[in-house]
Every structure is written in C-alpha cells, then in structure tokens.
Amino acid sequence: MTSNTRVVVIGAGLAGVRLARRLGELGMSPSDVVLVGEEAHRPYNRVLLAEVLAGRYAPEVIALPSPDRLVRARAEYIDRAARVVHCSDGSSIAYDTLVLATGSNPVLPPLRGLFTPDRELPSGVHAFRTMDDCLGLSKDLRPGARAVVIGGGLLGVSAARALAVRGAQVVLAQQAERLMERQLDPGASELVLRHLKELGVEVHTECRVRDVRCVGGKVRSVKLADHYALDADLVVLACGVHPRVGLARDAGLAVHKGIIVDDELRTSDPYIRALGDCAQHQGTVYGLATPALEQAEVLAELIADADKGGDSQARYTGTRALTRLTLTDFNAENADSGATGDAGNPFDLAAFGEPTPRPGDDVIQLADATRGTYRKVVVRDDRLVGGVLVGELGTVGALARAWEGAEPLPTDGGPLLHLLTNDGGS
C-alpha cells in the first residue's frame, strides 16, 4: 500500500523530531509530515543516554515530543524515479520532499573475537548508541561487575562515569595518549582523568585492545596489545561513530564521509535533503546536537516557505560548535551503590574553537587544583578563537558569545580576564 505525503523524514532522532515540530509551528498540516523511525521506543534525546545508564533519569524522562505521524519501520530503499520510500513493514510512502536524518552508527573496532559466528556481539559486549544498548547494558550491570570501556572520548568518559556510580569496577582503555584528545588540551584532560580516578575508574592511556575472549558465548576478558589481560563481565564499545549513509549510497546520492549537502541542505537529488549526523556540509560532518538542531531550523523554514509558494532565503552556512559535557549530581541511592569516589560531585566541561594556540597567539590560562577548575582561552589578532573550561562553568555562556560574535576584544584584556575569574556569569 502506498500513501502520499508531502514531507517524509527518515530518522526519528533529535534532528528529525525537531524538523517535524518546526514544520508544524510554521503552518504545515501534521498530516503532511511523516517520520519513519526503526527504533521501538518513543523518540528520545540521545545526548542524555549516559544519565539513563547512571540511573539519574528514567527512559521516559528523556523522551521527545511524539510526532503526529510516526511509522515504526526501517526504510529499506528509495525509489527516486517514483519518489517513493519502501519500508520493512511492507508499506510504501510517496513524497514530495524526502529528508534523510539517519544519524550515525557506532564504530565497532576490528578486534579478534568481537563477533559470534552469526555476526552478533557476544553476551556482555555492548555498543553504546541507542536506548536498546543502554537498557541492555543496564540489565547486565551488577554491583561489583568488572566493566571494560574501550574508548576515552566524550562517550567513553560518560559511560565510564555512569558505570562507576552504578557500582561497577571500571577500567577505561584509551588508545590515544590522553582522554578526550580531540576536544581537550593536556591540562583539561588531566582533570578529567583525576575525576574518573576519584570515582574508582582505572584508566589506561596509550593502550590498544587486541582481543575479546569469550567462554560459552559470554565475554570473560579483553587482551591488550602488550598481552596483558583485563578480566571483564561487561565490555562497552565507545570508539566513536560514523555517518549512516547506506540508504543514501544505495539510492545513488553523492556521498563522501557523509551525505553531501549544500547550504539549503539539498543532496545531489533536488527532491531529497539531509541533516544531522549523516550530513556532510562544506566538507564537515559535525556529529553533534547543536549543528543538527540548527540545520533543522533552516530546513523547516525552507520547506514551509516553499509550501506556501514563497522563496525563503534561509541558508545553513555552518556551525561554530561548542562541545559541552555536564555530568550532574547523583542522588544518595547512587552515591551508596559502591562507587569509591564522591558520586555526588558534578562534573562540567566545555571546549570550543581552537584550544591549541598557533605561534603568535596569546593564551590566558587559570588553574585551581584545589577546586578542580581549569580555564584556558586563546586570543588571535584581538579575537577569541577558542578555549577549554573544566569545573564551575558559570563563565561558559559569556565566553561562547564572545567567541561566536568574533568581534575584537578590548586591548587591555581586562573584561576577558574578568569573565575567566567570574563564577557567576552565564
């Protein structure tokens, strides 16, 4: 059976849901917009999955507003000539405009023993990308369980902390020389390391995992490249993500790292747009929530205006993305669950722009080891070009606005120093 819809959005994540909501707010009829999402759960905010794993939030707390029309099925292929999407439940949906918001998949590293003969992950080994991943990991988690987190980026740090406050004995294995090396400089990484160690997390950097050893289909240990073995009841794969582009590639769309789009989020097919983690704009795949939401705002205006016969001049010209990780207080129940550090201590960090200075740049850096705070900004030609902040981030909003505005700073540097030393600003 084929139904006709003006706008079909494949992907019911943060970007797809925001687009559908904005189209409704801009006057499109709910019956003219349908989302196709393959997850059985109500759409949710993926950014907060670590808080669900930690027990801070129930799954329903991070749910997004339900779209009016949601098809729970997998989009299997796109017939571009007929402008029809064919789904796994046997349905077909005709479109005037198709939007690909297919997101990204977790990177599964090429480790010996990682997959069963039928290409499934063994019992106890979990990716950490979806609600099902989160709930499956929570189901396997027991106080005192030995958990190995592979990957020390933003996701790995969040997962390790969540497991620790749930009472697991956590080892984090990071191949790079420091934690969150893509976002943080050495000083900030050291504070993240200290925070995890205070929670009882054992951290190994410059450490490559080689094998996953299973007995009877269940994980028992992981072996490192130096042949040292880590006992494991659980293994969490937090090795990054890659854009989910298979559907677009099979449809013959232009794909490089992501689905290539222009400033109107248009793909190589004028009837198909893309946004969010799967989209590549001007050579960049962002993989962050803020750019996805900004793209949804622009695309909603373009589609809604065209639906009314107008010609919107809205364009997406890129996002100056700020990476922020806020790990909130945990309640007394979690604090008593077996973590060895202060589970009630929140942790907050932000990174933006270019935190690594070039020759000739000015650097302002303040650190307080007692309070566990670190603040560093880079100034080039009297403009704020980047920074890293850890702990008590009252200043991050004002600094981000100064960076996004890209306006010259006062030559005496006084206001900037005031921002760095003022805990109360927002």
Protein backbone atom coordinates (compact mmCIF):
# COMPACT_ATOMS: atom_id res chain seq x y z
CA MET A 1 0.00 0.00 0.00
CA THR A 2 1.35 3.43 -0.93
CA SER A 3 0.41 6.58 0.96
CA ASN A 4 1.08 10.13 -0.23
CA THR A 5 2.86 12.64 2.00
CA ARG A 6 4.38 15.99 1.24
CA VAL A 7 7.38 15.55 3.57
CA VAL A 8 8.86 12.22 4.64
CA VAL A 9 11.63 12.26 7.25
CA ILE A 10 13.70 9.10 7.65
CA GLY A 11 15.02 9.15 11.19
CA ALA A 12 13.13 9.91 14.40
CA GLY A 13 16.02 11.25 16.43
CA LEU A 14 16.69 14.76 17.71
CA ALA A 15 17.08 16.33 14.24
CA GLY A 16 14.09 14.60 12.64
CA VAL A 17 11.74 15.34 15.52
CA ARG A 18 12.82 18.99 15.68
CA LEU A 19 12.23 19.37 11.94
CA ALA A 20 8.73 17.88 12.14
CA ARG A 21 7.83 20.07 15.11
CA ARG A 22 9.08 23.25 13.44
CA LEU A 23 7.18 22.46 10.24
CA GLY A 24 4.01 22.25 12.33
CA GLU A 25 4.80 25.53 14.05
CA LEU A 26 5.34 27.15 10.65
CA GLY A 27 1.88 26.15 9.48
CA MET A 28 2.22 22.78 7.75
CA SER A 29 -0.56 20.31 8.47
CA PRO A 30 0.54 17.38 10.69
CA SER A 31 -0.96 15.03 8.11
CA ASP A 32 1.58 16.30 5.56
CA VAL A 33 4.65 15.24 7.57
CA VAL A 34 5.58 11.66 8.48
CA LEU A 35 8.61 10.36 10.37
CA VAL A 36 9.98 6.89 9.72
CA GLY A 37 11.90 5.52 12.71
CA GLU A 38 13.06 1.96 13.21
CA GLU A 39 13.53 2.02 17.00
CA ALA A 40 10.65 0.60 19.02
CA HIS A 41 11.00 3.30 21.68
CA ARG A 42 9.40 6.70 21.65
CA PRO A 43 11.85 9.24 20.14
CA TYR A 44 14.38 10.36 22.75
CA ASN A 45 17.32 12.69 23.36
CA ARG A 46 20.36 10.54 22.66
CA VAL A 47 22.64 13.07 24.38
CA LEU A 48 21.22 12.02 27.77
CA LEU A 49 21.67 8.25 27.45
CA ALA A 50 24.59 8.26 29.91
CA GLU A 51 22.29 9.81 32.51
CA VAL A 52 19.82 6.96 31.96
CA LEU A 53 22.63 4.43 32.33
CA ALA A 54 23.73 6.11 35.54
CA GLY A 55 20.21 5.86 36.96
CA ARG A 56 19.77 9.61 37.04
CA TYR A 57 16.85 9.61 34.61
CA ALA A 58 14.22 7.06 33.67
CA PRO A 59 13.96 6.47 29.90
CA GLU A 60 10.69 8.35 29.67
CA VAL A 61 12.30 11.50 31.10
CA ILE A 62 14.49 11.93 28.01
CA ALA A 63 11.64 11.26 25.57
CA LEU A 64 11.00 13.86 22.87
CA PRO A 65 7.54 15.18 21.95
CA SER A 66 5.82 12.48 19.92
CA PRO A 67 5.31 13.38 16.25
CA ASP A 68 1.76 13.21 14.91
CA ARG A 69 2.65 10.62 12.27
CA LEU A 70 5.35 8.10 13.10
CA VAL A 71 5.93 4.91 11.12
CA ARG A 72 7.85 2.38 13.20
CA ALA A 73 9.73 0.58 10.48
CA ARG A 74 13.08 0.52 8.72
CA ALA A 75 13.35 2.40 5.45
CA GLU A 76 14.78 -0.24 3.13
CA TYR A 77 15.21 1.57 -0.14
CA ILE A 78 14.34 4.74 -2.01
CA ASP A 79 12.83 4.73 -5.49
CA ARG A 80 14.00 8.15 -6.63
CA ALA A 81 12.28 7.97 -10.03
CA ALA A 82 8.86 7.31 -8.45
CA ARG A 83 9.69 9.33 -5.32
CA VAL A 84 8.65 6.51 -3.01
CA VAL A 85 10.22 5.14 0.19
CA HIS A 86 9.76 1.38 0.73
CA CYS A 87 9.74 0.20 4.35
CA SER A 88 10.40 -3.08 6.13
CA ASP A 89 6.76 -3.44 7.20
CA GLY A 90 5.72 -3.65 3.55
CA SER A 91 4.41 -0.09 3.37
CA SER A 92 5.45 2.44 0.74
CA ILE A 93 5.31 6.19 1.26
CA ALA A 94 5.33 8.64 -1.64
CA TYR A 95 6.95 12.01 -1.02
CA ASP A 96 7.27 15.47 -2.46
CA THR A 97 10.33 16.14 -0.27
CA LEU A 98 12.36 13.43 1.41
CA VAL A 99 14.64 14.27 4.35
CA LEU A 100 17.38 11.89 5.44
CA ALA A 101 18.07 12.21 9.17
CA THR A 102 19.50 8.73 9.51
CA GLY A 103 22.10 9.67 12.12
CA SER A 104 25.20 7.58 12.74
CA ASN A 105 26.26 4.09 13.72
CA PRO A 106 28.75 3.13 16.42
CA VAL A 107 32.24 2.21 15.28
CA LEU A 108 32.87 -1.45 16.07
CA PRO A 109 36.65 -1.92 16.19
CA PRO A 110 38.34 -4.83 14.37
CA LEU A 111 39.05 -6.91 17.46
CA ARG A 112 39.59 -10.66 17.35
CA GLY A 113 36.68 -12.46 18.97
CA LEU A 114 34.38 -9.44 18.94
CA PHE A 115 31.63 -11.16 16.95
CA THR A 116 29.93 -14.53 17.22
CA PRO A 117 29.83 -16.73 14.07
CA ASP A 118 26.48 -15.17 13.11
CA ARG A 119 27.99 -11.65 13.39
CA GLU A 120 26.33 -10.76 16.68
CA LEU A 121 28.07 -9.22 19.68
CA PRO A 122 28.71 -11.80 22.42
CA SER A 123 26.76 -11.67 25.67
CA GLY A 124 28.15 -8.91 27.85
CA VAL A 125 29.58 -6.85 24.97
CA HIS A 126 27.62 -3.68 24.23
CA ALA A 127 27.79 -0.77 21.86
CA PHE A 128 26.53 2.44 23.48
CA ARG A 129 24.49 4.37 20.94
CA THR A 130 20.78 3.55 21.27
CA MET A 131 18.21 3.18 24.02
CA ASP A 132 18.27 -0.59 23.49
CA ASP A 133 22.05 -0.51 24.01
CA CYS A 134 21.56 1.46 27.22
CA LEU A 135 18.80 -0.78 28.58
CA GLY A 136 20.69 -3.95 27.66
CA LEU A 137 23.79 -2.71 29.43
CA SER A 138 21.75 -1.72 32.49
CA LYS A 139 20.17 -5.17 32.58
CA ASP A 140 23.60 -6.87 32.61
CA LEU A 141 25.08 -4.48 35.17
CA ARG A 142 25.55 -5.72 38.73
CA PRO A 143 27.33 -4.06 41.67
CA GLY A 144 30.94 -5.15 41.56
CA ALA A 145 30.76 -6.20 37.90
CA ARG A 146 34.06 -5.83 36.06
CA ALA A 147 33.46 -3.46 33.16
CA VAL A 148 35.96 -2.50 30.47
CA VAL A 149 35.16 0.62 28.46
CA ILE A 150 37.04 0.77 25.15
CA GLY A 151 37.47 4.39 24.06
CA GLY A 152 38.29 7.51 26.05
CA GLY A 153 36.45 10.16 24.07
CA LEU A 154 33.34 12.04 25.16
CA LEU A 155 31.13 8.93 25.04
CA GLY A 156 33.66 6.66 26.76
CA VAL A 157 34.21 9.10 29.62
CA SER A 158 30.43 9.47 30.10
CA ALA A 159 29.90 5.70 30.06
CA ALA A 160 32.77 5.00 32.46
CA ARG A 161 31.48 7.53 34.97
CA ALA A 162 27.91 6.20 34.74
CA LEU A 163 29.07 2.62 35.29
CA ALA A 164 31.22 3.66 38.24
CA VAL A 165 28.38 5.39 40.06
CA ARG A 166 26.28 2.25 39.50
CA GLY A 167 28.88 0.28 41.45
CA ALA A 168 30.86 -1.40 38.68
CA GLN A 169 34.62 -1.90 38.80
CA VAL A 170 35.52 0.08 35.71
CA VAL A 171 38.63 0.03 33.54
CA LEU A 172 38.81 2.53 30.69
CA ALA A 173 41.20 1.71 27.82
CA GLN A 174 42.15 4.65 25.62
CA GLN A 175 44.38 4.23 22.59
CA ALA A 176 45.43 7.90 22.47
CA GLU A 177 47.86 9.45 24.91
CA ARG A 178 45.16 11.26 26.87
CA LEU A 179 41.39 11.35 27.43
CA MET A 180 39.15 13.32 25.06
CA GLU A 181 42.18 14.30 23.00
CA ARG A 182 40.03 15.72 20.18
CA GLN A 183 38.36 18.29 22.42
CA LEU A 184 40.72 18.95 25.32
CA ASP A 185 44.28 20.06 25.83
CA PRO A 186 46.60 18.18 28.23
CA GLY A 187 45.69 20.29 31.27
CA ALA A 188 41.96 19.73 30.89
CA SER A 189 42.44 16.04 30.10
CA GLU A 190 44.37 15.64 33.32
CA LEU A 191 41.41 16.98 35.31
CA VAL A 192 39.05 14.55 33.56
CA LEU A 193 41.48 11.75 34.44
CA ARG A 194 41.59 12.85 38.06
CA HIS A 195 37.81 13.00 38.23
CA LEU A 196 37.45 9.44 36.94
CA LYS A 197 40.11 8.13 39.29
CA GLU A 198 38.28 9.72 42.23
CA LEU A 199 35.28 7.60 41.23
CA GLY A 200 37.44 4.47 41.25
CA VAL A 201 37.86 4.18 37.47
CA GLU A 202 41.17 2.63 36.41
CA VAL A 203 42.39 4.42 33.28
CA HIS A 204 44.94 3.13 30.77
CA THR A 205 46.06 5.54 28.04
CA GLU A 206 48.22 4.66 25.01
CA CYS A 207 46.59 1.28 25.37
CA ARG A 208 45.29 -0.74 22.43
CA VAL A 209 42.82 -3.57 22.91
CA ARG A 210 43.56 -6.50 20.61
CA ASP A 211 41.26 -9.42 21.53
CA VAL A 212 37.93 -10.13 23.19
CA ARG A 213 37.89 -13.54 24.83
CA CYS A 214 34.58 -15.33 25.35
CA VAL A 215 33.63 -18.59 27.02
CA GLY A 216 30.30 -20.20 26.19
CA GLY A 217 29.26 -17.15 24.20
CA LYS A 218 29.87 -14.71 27.09
CA VAL A 219 32.73 -12.25 27.44
CA ARG A 220 35.36 -13.13 30.03
CA SER A 221 38.30 -10.81 29.32
CA VAL A 222 39.94 -8.48 26.86
CA LYS A 223 43.57 -8.74 25.87
CA LEU A 224 45.74 -5.69 25.24
CA ALA A 225 48.41 -5.35 22.56
CA ASP A 226 51.11 -5.88 25.22
CA HIS A 227 49.40 -9.25 26.01
CA TYR A 228 48.12 -8.04 29.40
CA ALA A 229 44.58 -9.35 30.01
CA LEU A 230 41.75 -7.49 31.74
CA ASP A 231 39.02 -9.63 33.31
CA ALA A 232 35.62 -8.45 32.15
CA ASP A 233 31.99 -9.24 32.85
CA LEU A 234 30.98 -6.33 30.60
CA VAL A 235 32.66 -4.61 27.66
CA VAL A 236 31.40 -1.24 26.39
CA LEU A 237 32.42 -0.12 22.91
CA ALA A 238 32.75 3.67 22.84
CA CYS A 239 35.05 4.02 19.83
CA GLY A 240 33.21 6.79 18.02
CA VAL A 241 30.55 6.87 15.33
CA HIS A 242 30.37 7.09 11.57
CA PRO A 243 27.57 8.63 9.48
CA ARG A 244 24.82 6.25 8.47
CA VAL A 245 24.84 6.66 4.70
CA GLY A 246 24.00 3.21 3.33
CA LEU A 247 20.45 4.12 2.32
CA ALA A 248 21.67 7.24 0.51
CA ARG A 249 24.53 5.43 -1.21
CA ASP A 250 22.22 2.66 -2.40
CA ALA A 251 19.93 5.33 -3.83
CA GLY A 252 22.81 6.77 -5.85
CA LEU A 253 23.18 10.03 -3.91
CA ALA A 254 26.56 11.76 -3.66
CA VAL A 255 28.29 10.50 -0.53
CA HIS A 256 31.79 11.10 0.83
CA LYS A 257 32.22 10.88 4.59
CA GLY A 258 28.56 11.81 4.90
CA ILE A 259 25.71 12.64 2.54
CA ILE A 260 26.89 15.74 0.69
CA VAL A 261 24.54 18.73 1.06
CA ASP A 262 24.60 22.39 0.04
CA ASP A 263 23.56 25.46 2.03
CA GLU A 264 19.90 24.52 1.56
CA LEU A 265 20.63 21.01 2.92
CA ARG A 266 19.89 19.68 -0.58
CA THR A 267 21.58 16.46 -1.71
CA SER A 268 22.51 15.61 -5.30
CA ASP A 269 18.80 14.88 -5.82
CA PRO A 270 16.78 18.13 -5.66
CA TYR A 271 13.86 16.32 -4.00
CA ILE A 272 15.99 14.89 -1.18
CA ARG A 273 17.55 16.80 1.75
CA ALA A 274 19.75 15.57 4.59
CA LEU A 275 20.65 16.88 8.03
CA GLY A 276 22.22 15.88 11.32
CA ASP A 277 24.91 13.27 11.88
CA CYS A 278 24.56 11.77 8.40
CA ALA A 279 25.06 15.04 6.50
CA GLN A 280 28.34 16.49 5.23
CA HIS A 281 28.25 20.25 4.67
CA GLN A 282 31.24 22.05 3.17
CA GLY A 283 33.43 19.08 3.95
CA THR A 284 32.35 18.81 7.61
CA VAL A 285 30.37 16.09 9.36
CA TYR A 286 29.58 17.58 12.76
CA GLY A 287 28.12 14.64 14.68
CA LEU A 288 26.85 16.99 17.41
CA ALA A 289 23.40 18.04 18.58
CA THR A 290 23.72 21.80 18.11
CA PRO A 291 24.51 21.73 14.36
CA ALA A 292 21.72 19.19 13.80
CA LEU A 293 19.18 21.43 15.51
CA GLU A 294 20.37 24.50 13.60
CA GLN A 295 20.07 22.58 10.33
CA ALA A 296 16.53 21.53 11.27
CA GLU A 297 15.56 25.17 11.86
CA VAL A 298 16.89 26.27 8.46
CA LEU A 299 15.36 23.34 6.59
CA ALA A 300 11.96 23.81 8.24
CA GLU A 301 11.87 27.42 7.09
CA LEU A 302 12.87 26.47 3.54
CA ILE A 303 10.26 23.69 3.25
CA ALA A 304 7.43 25.61 4.93
CA ASP A 305 8.02 28.73 2.84
CA ALA A 306 8.14 26.71 -0.38
CA ASP A 307 4.88 25.00 0.65
CA LYS A 308 3.25 28.44 0.80
CA GLY A 309 4.66 29.40 -2.60
CA GLY A 310 7.41 31.56 -1.17
CA ASP A 311 11.17 31.55 -1.70
CA SER A 312 12.90 31.65 1.68
CA GLN A 313 16.43 33.00 1.78
CA ALA A 314 17.29 30.87 4.82
CA ARG A 315 20.64 29.12 4.41
CA TYR A 316 22.80 26.91 6.57
CA THR A 317 26.36 28.25 6.49
CA GLY A 318 27.91 26.07 9.20
CA THR A 319 28.01 25.91 12.99
CA ARG A 320 30.68 27.09 15.36
CA ALA A 321 30.16 24.09 17.57
CA LEU A 322 30.75 24.05 21.30
CA THR A 323 31.28 20.67 22.93
CA ARG A 324 29.83 20.51 26.43
CA LEU A 325 29.65 17.64 28.88
CA THR A 326 27.59 18.14 32.02
CA LEU A 327 27.51 15.21 34.42
CA THR A 328 25.03 16.16 37.09
CA ASP A 329 24.72 15.27 40.77
CA PHE A 330 23.62 11.74 41.57
CA ASN A 331 21.19 11.02 44.36
CA ALA A 332 22.04 9.31 47.62
CA GLU A 333 20.95 5.91 46.32
CA ASN A 334 23.51 6.08 43.53
CA ALA A 335 26.14 7.51 45.85
CA ASP A 336 25.74 4.46 48.08
CA SER A 337 25.84 1.98 45.20
CA GLY A 338 29.53 1.19 45.54
CA ALA A 339 31.42 3.98 43.79
CA THR A 340 34.64 4.71 45.63
CA GLY A 341 34.70 8.46 44.99
CA ASP A 342 32.31 11.32 45.63
CA ALA A 343 29.39 10.34 43.42
CA GLY A 344 27.53 13.48 44.42
CA ASN A 345 30.13 15.73 42.86
CA PRO A 346 29.04 17.17 39.49
CA PHE A 347 31.47 17.49 36.64
CA ASP A 348 31.23 20.04 33.87
CA LEU A 349 33.45 20.85 30.91
CA ALA A 350 33.28 22.79 27.67
CA ALA A 351 35.54 23.16 24.64
CA PHE A 352 35.11 25.46 21.66
CA GLY A 353 37.01 26.73 18.67
CA GLU A 354 40.78 26.24 18.55
CA PRO A 355 42.10 25.49 22.05
CA THR A 356 45.62 24.80 20.72
CA PRO A 357 47.46 28.09 20.08
CA ARG A 358 49.43 28.90 16.96
CA PRO A 359 52.74 30.79 17.08
CA GLY A 360 51.99 34.41 17.97
CA ASP A 361 48.67 33.70 19.71
CA ASP A 362 48.03 34.98 23.22
CA VAL A 363 46.96 32.46 25.86
CA ILE A 364 45.25 33.15 29.18
CA GLN A 365 45.23 30.17 31.49
CA LEU A 366 43.96 29.83 35.04
CA ALA A 367 44.01 26.63 37.09
CA ASP A 368 42.97 25.85 40.66
CA ALA A 369 43.97 22.34 41.67
CA THR A 370 42.10 22.56 44.99
CA ARG A 371 38.76 23.37 43.34
CA GLY A 372 39.47 21.21 40.30
CA THR A 373 38.93 24.06 37.85
CA TYR A 374 40.81 24.87 34.65
CA ARG A 375 40.22 27.72 32.25
CA LYS A 376 42.17 28.49 29.12
CA VAL A 377 41.37 30.75 26.18
CA VAL A 378 43.30 31.50 23.01
CA VAL A 379 43.28 35.02 21.51
CA ARG A 380 44.45 35.75 17.96
CA ASP A 381 44.54 39.25 16.48
CA ASP A 382 42.47 40.53 19.42
CA ARG A 383 39.76 37.92 18.81
CA LEU A 384 38.79 34.97 20.98
CA VAL A 385 39.36 31.88 18.80
CA GLY A 386 38.99 29.01 21.27
CA GLY A 387 39.04 27.75 24.80
CA VAL A 388 38.74 24.88 27.25
CA LEU A 389 36.92 25.13 30.58
CA VAL A 390 36.60 22.49 33.29
CA GLY A 391 34.59 22.82 36.51
CA GLU A 392 32.24 25.58 37.72
CA LEU A 393 31.32 26.76 34.26
CA GLY A 394 29.39 29.90 35.09
CA THR A 395 31.52 31.72 32.52
CA VAL A 396 30.92 29.46 29.55
CA GLY A 397 27.90 31.28 28.17
CA ALA A 398 29.55 34.69 28.10
CA LEU A 399 32.77 33.29 26.65
CA ALA A 400 30.88 31.38 23.97
CA ARG A 401 29.02 34.52 22.97
CA ALA A 402 32.32 36.42 22.71
CA TRP A 403 33.71 33.64 20.54
CA GLU A 404 30.64 33.31 18.33
CA GLY A 405 30.49 37.09 17.81
CA ALA A 406 34.11 37.09 16.59
CA GLU A 407 34.39 40.78 17.49
CA PRO A 408 37.66 42.42 18.58
CA LEU A 409 38.35 42.26 22.31
CA PRO A 410 39.42 45.31 24.31
CA THR A 411 43.17 45.71 24.03
CA ASP A 412 43.77 45.69 27.79
CA GLY A 413 42.29 42.20 28.15
CA GLY A 414 40.55 43.20 31.38
CA PRO A 415 36.98 42.14 30.51
CA LEU A 416 38.18 38.76 29.24
CA LEU A 417 40.14 38.13 32.43
CA HIS A 418 37.04 39.15 34.39
CA LEU A 419 34.99 36.53 32.53
CA LEU A 420 37.54 33.84 33.34
CA THR A 421 37.59 34.68 37.04
CA ASN A 422 33.83 35.28 37.47
CA ASP A 423 31.96 32.13 38.52
CA GLY A 424 28.55 33.72 38.44
CA GLY A 425 28.22 34.72 34.78
CA SER A 426 26.12 32.72 32.34
